[in-house]
Amino acid sequence: MIKKLVLAVAALLASTGFAFAQVDVNKADAVALDGVKGVGPSMSKMILEERAKGEFRDWGDFQDRIKGMKGKKAMKLSEAGLVVNGKPMEAGMAKPDKTAAKKEAKDKAVEKKAAM
């Protein structure tokens, strides 16, 4: 009974390790990219098409070349196991969403106007 329980726990731990395996955008095929939570067939196709033009140098290059890949989305994909040249995305690497930057600028303008 205890052996079965230990074996079941070991199998569970081993399978969760595979779920968080890193997938490098410069090496993965469409199936591996689709296996990353948040990446679907259309995104993996876009990644493969851009990679055919040249490998991604870093997260900044990846975010510049993949449509809609900014800020939070890039960070979530990195947390799900996506890497660029073997490196996960670090907090300071995220490029801000344009809408978030516009909202922040608008908020600052409102604060400045209210202070007058």
N, C-alpha and C. Protein backbone atom coordinates (compact mmCIF):
# COMPACT_ATOMS: atom_id res chain seq x y z
N MET A 1 0.83 -1.20 0.00
CA MET A 1 0.00 0.00 0.00
C MET A 1 0.87 1.25 0.00
N ILE A 2 1.85 1.30 0.90
CA ILE A 2 2.73 2.47 0.97
C ILE A 2 3.58 2.57 -0.29
N LYS A 3 4.02 1.43 -0.81
CA LYS A 3 4.81 1.44 -2.03
C LYS A 3 4.02 2.04 -3.18
N LYS A 4 2.73 1.69 -3.27
CA LYS A 4 1.89 2.23 -4.34
C LYS A 4 1.71 3.73 -4.18
N LEU A 5 1.54 4.17 -2.95
CA LEU A 5 1.36 5.59 -2.69
C LEU A 5 2.63 6.37 -3.05
N VAL A 6 3.78 5.86 -2.64
CA VAL A 6 5.06 6.50 -2.96
C VAL A 6 5.27 6.52 -4.47
N LEU A 7 4.95 5.43 -5.12
CA LEU A 7 5.10 5.35 -6.57
C LEU A 7 4.18 6.35 -7.27
N ALA A 8 2.95 6.48 -6.79
CA ALA A 8 2.00 7.43 -7.37
C ALA A 8 2.49 8.86 -7.20
N VAL A 9 3.01 9.19 -6.02
CA VAL A 9 3.53 10.54 -5.77
C VAL A 9 4.74 10.81 -6.66
N ALA A 10 5.61 9.83 -6.80
CA ALA A 10 6.79 9.98 -7.65
C ALA A 10 6.39 10.21 -9.11
N ALA A 11 5.39 9.46 -9.57
CA ALA A 11 4.92 9.62 -10.94
C ALA A 11 4.31 11.00 -11.14
N LEU A 12 3.58 11.47 -10.16
CA LEU A 12 2.98 12.80 -10.24
C LEU A 12 4.05 13.88 -10.31
N LEU A 13 5.05 13.79 -9.47
CA LEU A 13 6.15 14.76 -9.48
C LEU A 13 6.91 14.74 -10.79
N ALA A 14 7.13 13.55 -11.32
CA ALA A 14 7.85 13.42 -12.59
C ALA A 14 7.06 14.04 -13.73
N SER A 15 5.75 13.85 -13.74
CA SER A 15 4.93 14.39 -14.84
C SER A 15 4.81 15.91 -14.76
N THR A 16 4.82 16.49 -13.56
CA THR A 16 4.77 17.95 -13.48
C THR A 16 6.07 18.56 -13.95
N GLY A 17 7.16 17.86 -13.82
CA GLY A 17 8.43 18.35 -14.34
C GLY A 17 8.40 18.50 -15.85
N PHE A 18 7.70 17.60 -16.53
CA PHE A 18 7.59 17.67 -17.97
C PHE A 18 6.66 18.81 -18.40
N ALA A 19 5.69 19.11 -17.59
CA ALA A 19 4.74 20.17 -17.94
C ALA A 19 5.41 21.53 -17.97
N PHE A 20 6.49 21.71 -17.22
CA PHE A 20 7.17 22.99 -17.17
C PHE A 20 8.50 22.97 -17.91
N ALA A 21 8.63 22.06 -18.86
CA ALA A 21 9.86 21.98 -19.64
C ALA A 21 10.02 23.24 -20.47
N GLN A 22 11.23 23.68 -20.61
CA GLN A 22 11.50 24.90 -21.38
C GLN A 22 11.44 24.61 -22.87
N VAL A 23 10.85 25.54 -23.59
CA VAL A 23 10.73 25.44 -25.04
C VAL A 23 11.40 26.67 -25.63
N ASP A 24 12.49 26.45 -26.37
CA ASP A 24 13.23 27.57 -26.96
C ASP A 24 12.62 27.93 -28.31
N VAL A 25 12.28 29.21 -28.50
CA VAL A 25 11.65 29.66 -29.74
C VAL A 25 12.55 29.47 -30.95
N ASN A 26 13.85 29.38 -30.75
CA ASN A 26 14.78 29.21 -31.87
C ASN A 26 15.02 27.75 -32.24
N LYS A 27 14.51 26.82 -31.45
CA LYS A 27 14.76 25.40 -31.71
C LYS A 27 13.50 24.58 -31.85
N ALA A 28 12.40 25.04 -31.28
CA ALA A 28 11.18 24.24 -31.20
C ALA A 28 10.44 24.17 -32.53
N ASP A 29 9.73 23.06 -32.72
CA ASP A 29 8.85 22.95 -33.87
C ASP A 29 7.45 23.39 -33.44
N ALA A 30 6.51 23.35 -34.37
CA ALA A 30 5.15 23.84 -34.10
C ALA A 30 4.49 23.08 -32.96
N VAL A 31 4.70 21.78 -32.88
CA VAL A 31 4.08 20.97 -31.84
C VAL A 31 4.60 21.38 -30.46
N ALA A 32 5.90 21.57 -30.35
CA ALA A 32 6.49 21.98 -29.06
C ALA A 32 6.00 23.37 -28.67
N LEU A 33 5.93 24.29 -29.62
CA LEU A 33 5.45 25.63 -29.33
C LEU A 33 3.99 25.60 -28.88
N ASP A 34 3.17 24.79 -29.55
CA ASP A 34 1.76 24.66 -29.18
C ASP A 34 1.60 24.08 -27.78
N GLY A 35 2.59 23.35 -27.32
CA GLY A 35 2.54 22.76 -25.98
C GLY A 35 2.71 23.77 -24.86
N VAL A 36 3.16 24.97 -25.18
CA VAL A 36 3.32 26.03 -24.17
C VAL A 36 1.95 26.68 -23.94
N LYS A 37 1.55 26.74 -22.68
CA LYS A 37 0.26 27.34 -22.36
C LYS A 37 0.25 28.80 -22.82
N GLY A 38 -0.74 29.13 -23.66
CA GLY A 38 -0.85 30.49 -24.18
C GLY A 38 -0.42 30.61 -25.63
N VAL A 39 0.23 29.58 -26.15
CA VAL A 39 0.66 29.59 -27.56
C VAL A 39 -0.26 28.65 -28.32
N GLY A 40 -0.92 29.18 -29.32
CA GLY A 40 -1.79 28.37 -30.15
C GLY A 40 -1.21 28.20 -31.53
N PRO A 41 -1.95 27.52 -32.41
CA PRO A 41 -1.45 27.27 -33.77
C PRO A 41 -1.09 28.53 -34.55
N SER A 42 -1.89 29.59 -34.41
CA SER A 42 -1.60 30.80 -35.18
C SER A 42 -0.34 31.49 -34.67
N MET A 43 -0.14 31.50 -33.36
CA MET A 43 1.07 32.12 -32.82
C MET A 43 2.30 31.29 -33.16
N SER A 44 2.19 29.97 -33.06
CA SER A 44 3.36 29.15 -33.39
C SER A 44 3.72 29.31 -34.86
N LYS A 45 2.72 29.45 -35.73
CA LYS A 45 2.98 29.68 -37.16
C LYS A 45 3.71 31.01 -37.35
N MET A 46 3.26 32.05 -36.63
CA MET A 46 3.89 33.36 -36.73
C MET A 46 5.34 33.29 -36.24
N ILE A 47 5.57 32.58 -35.15
CA ILE A 47 6.92 32.43 -34.60
C ILE A 47 7.82 31.73 -35.61
N LEU A 48 7.33 30.65 -36.20
CA LEU A 48 8.14 29.89 -37.16
C LEU A 48 8.43 30.71 -38.42
N GLU A 49 7.45 31.50 -38.88
CA GLU A 49 7.67 32.35 -40.05
C GLU A 49 8.72 33.42 -39.78
N GLU A 50 8.65 34.04 -38.61
CA GLU A 50 9.65 35.06 -38.26
C GLU A 50 11.02 34.43 -38.04
N ARG A 51 11.05 33.25 -37.46
CA ARG A 51 12.33 32.59 -37.22
C ARG A 51 13.01 32.20 -38.53
N ALA A 52 12.21 31.93 -39.56
CA ALA A 52 12.77 31.60 -40.87
C ALA A 52 13.55 32.78 -41.45
N LYS A 53 13.20 33.99 -41.03
CA LYS A 53 13.91 35.19 -41.48
C LYS A 53 15.22 35.38 -40.72
N GLY A 54 15.37 34.68 -39.62
CA GLY A 54 16.56 34.79 -38.78
C GLY A 54 16.19 34.49 -37.34
N GLU A 55 17.09 33.87 -36.61
CA GLU A 55 16.81 33.52 -35.22
C GLU A 55 16.57 34.76 -34.38
N PHE A 56 15.81 34.58 -33.31
CA PHE A 56 15.56 35.66 -32.37
C PHE A 56 16.80 35.84 -31.50
N ARG A 57 17.30 37.07 -31.40
CA ARG A 57 18.52 37.34 -30.62
C ARG A 57 18.26 37.30 -29.12
N ASP A 58 17.14 37.91 -28.72
CA ASP A 58 16.81 38.00 -27.30
C ASP A 58 15.32 38.28 -27.17
N TRP A 59 14.87 38.48 -25.93
CA TRP A 59 13.45 38.73 -25.70
C TRP A 59 12.99 40.02 -26.36
N GLY A 60 13.82 41.04 -26.39
CA GLY A 60 13.45 42.29 -27.03
C GLY A 60 13.20 42.10 -28.52
N ASP A 61 14.07 41.36 -29.16
CA ASP A 61 13.92 41.06 -30.59
C ASP A 61 12.65 40.24 -30.81
N PHE A 62 12.41 39.27 -29.95
CA PHE A 62 11.21 38.43 -30.05
C PHE A 62 9.94 39.28 -29.92
N GLN A 63 9.93 40.18 -28.96
CA GLN A 63 8.76 41.03 -28.75
C GLN A 63 8.55 42.00 -29.92
N ASP A 64 9.63 42.48 -30.50
CA ASP A 64 9.52 43.40 -31.64
C ASP A 64 8.96 42.72 -32.88
N ARG A 65 9.33 41.46 -33.08
CA ARG A 65 8.99 40.77 -34.31
C ARG A 65 7.68 40.00 -34.28
N ILE A 66 7.17 39.68 -33.10
CA ILE A 66 5.92 38.92 -32.99
C ILE A 66 4.79 39.87 -32.61
N LYS A 67 3.80 39.97 -33.47
CA LYS A 67 2.68 40.88 -33.28
C LYS A 67 1.94 40.55 -31.98
N GLY A 68 1.71 41.58 -31.17
CA GLY A 68 0.95 41.42 -29.93
C GLY A 68 1.75 40.87 -28.77
N MET A 69 3.05 40.69 -28.95
CA MET A 69 3.89 40.10 -27.91
C MET A 69 4.56 41.21 -27.10
N LYS A 70 3.83 41.74 -26.17
CA LYS A 70 4.35 42.81 -25.32
C LYS A 70 4.09 42.47 -23.86
N GLY A 71 4.79 43.16 -23.00
CA GLY A 71 4.58 43.16 -21.56
C GLY A 71 4.11 41.87 -20.92
N LYS A 72 2.88 41.92 -20.41
CA LYS A 72 2.33 40.83 -19.61
C LYS A 72 2.26 39.52 -20.39
N LYS A 73 1.89 39.60 -21.66
CA LYS A 73 1.75 38.38 -22.46
C LYS A 73 3.09 37.66 -22.58
N ALA A 74 4.14 38.39 -22.88
CA ALA A 74 5.46 37.80 -23.00
C ALA A 74 5.91 37.19 -21.67
N MET A 75 5.63 37.89 -20.58
CA MET A 75 6.02 37.40 -19.26
C MET A 75 5.27 36.11 -18.92
N LYS A 76 3.98 36.05 -19.24
CA LYS A 76 3.19 34.84 -18.96
C LYS A 76 3.71 33.65 -19.77
N LEU A 77 4.07 33.90 -21.03
CA LEU A 77 4.61 32.81 -21.85
C LEU A 77 5.95 32.34 -21.30
N SER A 78 6.76 33.27 -20.84
CA SER A 78 8.03 32.90 -20.24
C SER A 78 7.82 32.06 -18.98
N GLU A 79 6.85 32.46 -18.16
CA GLU A 79 6.54 31.69 -16.95
C GLU A 79 6.01 30.31 -17.29
N ALA A 80 5.38 30.17 -18.47
CA ALA A 80 4.85 28.88 -18.90
C ALA A 80 5.93 28.00 -19.51
N GLY A 81 7.15 28.53 -19.67
CA GLY A 81 8.25 27.72 -20.16
C GLY A 81 8.88 28.16 -21.46
N LEU A 82 8.41 29.23 -22.07
CA LEU A 82 8.99 29.71 -23.31
C LEU A 82 10.29 30.45 -23.02
N VAL A 83 11.34 30.16 -23.77
CA VAL A 83 12.63 30.82 -23.59
C VAL A 83 13.16 31.28 -24.95
N VAL A 84 14.04 32.28 -24.91
CA VAL A 84 14.72 32.75 -26.12
C VAL A 84 16.21 32.55 -25.89
N ASN A 85 16.83 31.74 -26.74
CA ASN A 85 18.24 31.39 -26.59
C ASN A 85 18.53 30.82 -25.20
N GLY A 86 17.60 30.01 -24.70
CA GLY A 86 17.80 29.34 -23.42
C GLY A 86 17.56 30.21 -22.20
N LYS A 87 17.12 31.45 -22.40
CA LYS A 87 16.94 32.37 -21.27
C LYS A 87 15.47 32.73 -21.08
N PRO A 88 14.97 32.59 -19.86
CA PRO A 88 13.61 33.06 -19.59
C PRO A 88 13.60 34.58 -19.53
N MET A 89 12.43 35.14 -19.64
CA MET A 89 12.30 36.59 -19.59
C MET A 89 12.41 37.08 -18.16
N GLU A 90 13.16 38.15 -17.96
CA GLU A 90 13.28 38.75 -16.64
C GLU A 90 12.34 39.93 -16.57
N ALA A 91 11.95 40.32 -15.38
CA ALA A 91 10.94 41.37 -15.18
C ALA A 91 11.26 42.66 -15.94
N GLY A 92 12.49 43.09 -15.97
CA GLY A 92 12.85 44.34 -16.62
C GLY A 92 12.88 44.28 -18.13
N MET A 93 12.75 43.09 -18.70
CA MET A 93 12.83 42.93 -20.15
C MET A 93 11.51 43.21 -20.86
N ALA A 94 10.41 43.25 -20.13
CA ALA A 94 9.09 43.38 -20.75
C ALA A 94 8.94 44.74 -21.42
N LYS A 95 8.52 44.70 -22.67
CA LYS A 95 8.22 45.94 -23.39
C LYS A 95 6.79 46.30 -23.04
N PRO A 96 6.53 47.54 -22.67
CA PRO A 96 5.18 47.91 -22.25
C PRO A 96 4.18 47.88 -23.40
N ASP A 97 2.94 47.55 -23.05
CA ASP A 97 1.86 47.63 -24.03
C ASP A 97 1.64 49.10 -24.36
N LYS A 98 1.36 49.39 -25.61
CA LYS A 98 1.13 50.78 -26.01
C LYS A 98 -0.09 51.35 -25.30
N THR A 99 -1.12 50.53 -25.12
CA THR A 99 -2.32 51.03 -24.46
C THR A 99 -2.04 51.36 -23.01
N ALA A 100 -1.21 50.55 -22.36
CA ALA A 100 -0.86 50.82 -20.96
C ALA A 100 -0.04 52.10 -20.85
N ALA A 101 0.87 52.31 -21.79
CA ALA A 101 1.70 53.52 -21.79
C ALA A 101 0.84 54.75 -22.04
N LYS A 102 -0.13 54.65 -22.95
CA LYS A 102 -1.03 55.77 -23.22
C LYS A 102 -1.87 56.10 -22.00
N LYS A 103 -2.37 55.06 -21.32
CA LYS A 103 -3.19 55.27 -20.13
C LYS A 103 -2.36 55.94 -19.04
N GLU A 104 -1.12 55.51 -18.87
CA GLU A 104 -0.25 56.10 -17.85
C GLU A 104 0.01 57.58 -18.16
N ALA A 105 0.26 57.90 -19.42
CA ALA A 105 0.50 59.29 -19.81
C ALA A 105 -0.76 60.13 -19.59
N LYS A 106 -1.90 59.56 -19.88
CA LYS A 106 -3.16 60.27 -19.68
C LYS A 106 -3.40 60.53 -18.20
N ASP A 107 -3.12 59.52 -17.36
CA ASP A 107 -3.28 59.68 -15.91
C ASP A 107 -2.37 60.77 -15.36
N LYS A 108 -1.13 60.81 -15.86
CA LYS A 108 -0.19 61.84 -15.43
C LYS A 108 -0.68 63.23 -15.83
N ALA A 109 -1.24 63.34 -17.03
CA ALA A 109 -1.75 64.63 -17.50
C ALA A 109 -2.93 65.09 -16.64
N VAL A 110 -3.78 64.16 -16.26
CA VAL A 110 -4.92 64.49 -15.40
C VAL A 110 -4.45 64.94 -14.04
N GLU A 111 -3.45 64.23 -13.49
CA GLU A 111 -2.89 64.62 -12.19
C GLU A 111 -2.26 66.01 -12.26
N LYS A 112 -1.54 66.29 -13.32
CA LYS A 112 -0.89 67.57 -13.49
C LYS A 112 -1.92 68.70 -13.59
N LYS A 113 -2.99 68.42 -14.33
CA LYS A 113 -4.05 69.41 -14.50
C LYS A 113 -4.76 69.66 -13.17
N ALA A 114 -4.97 68.60 -12.40
CA ALA A 114 -5.65 68.73 -11.11
C ALA A 114 -4.80 69.50 -10.10
N ALA A 115 -3.48 69.38 -10.24
CA ALA A 115 -2.56 70.07 -9.31
C ALA A 115 -2.51 71.57 -9.57
N MET A 116 -2.92 72.01 -10.74
CA MET A 116 -2.86 73.44 -11.09
C MET A 116 -3.94 74.21 -10.41
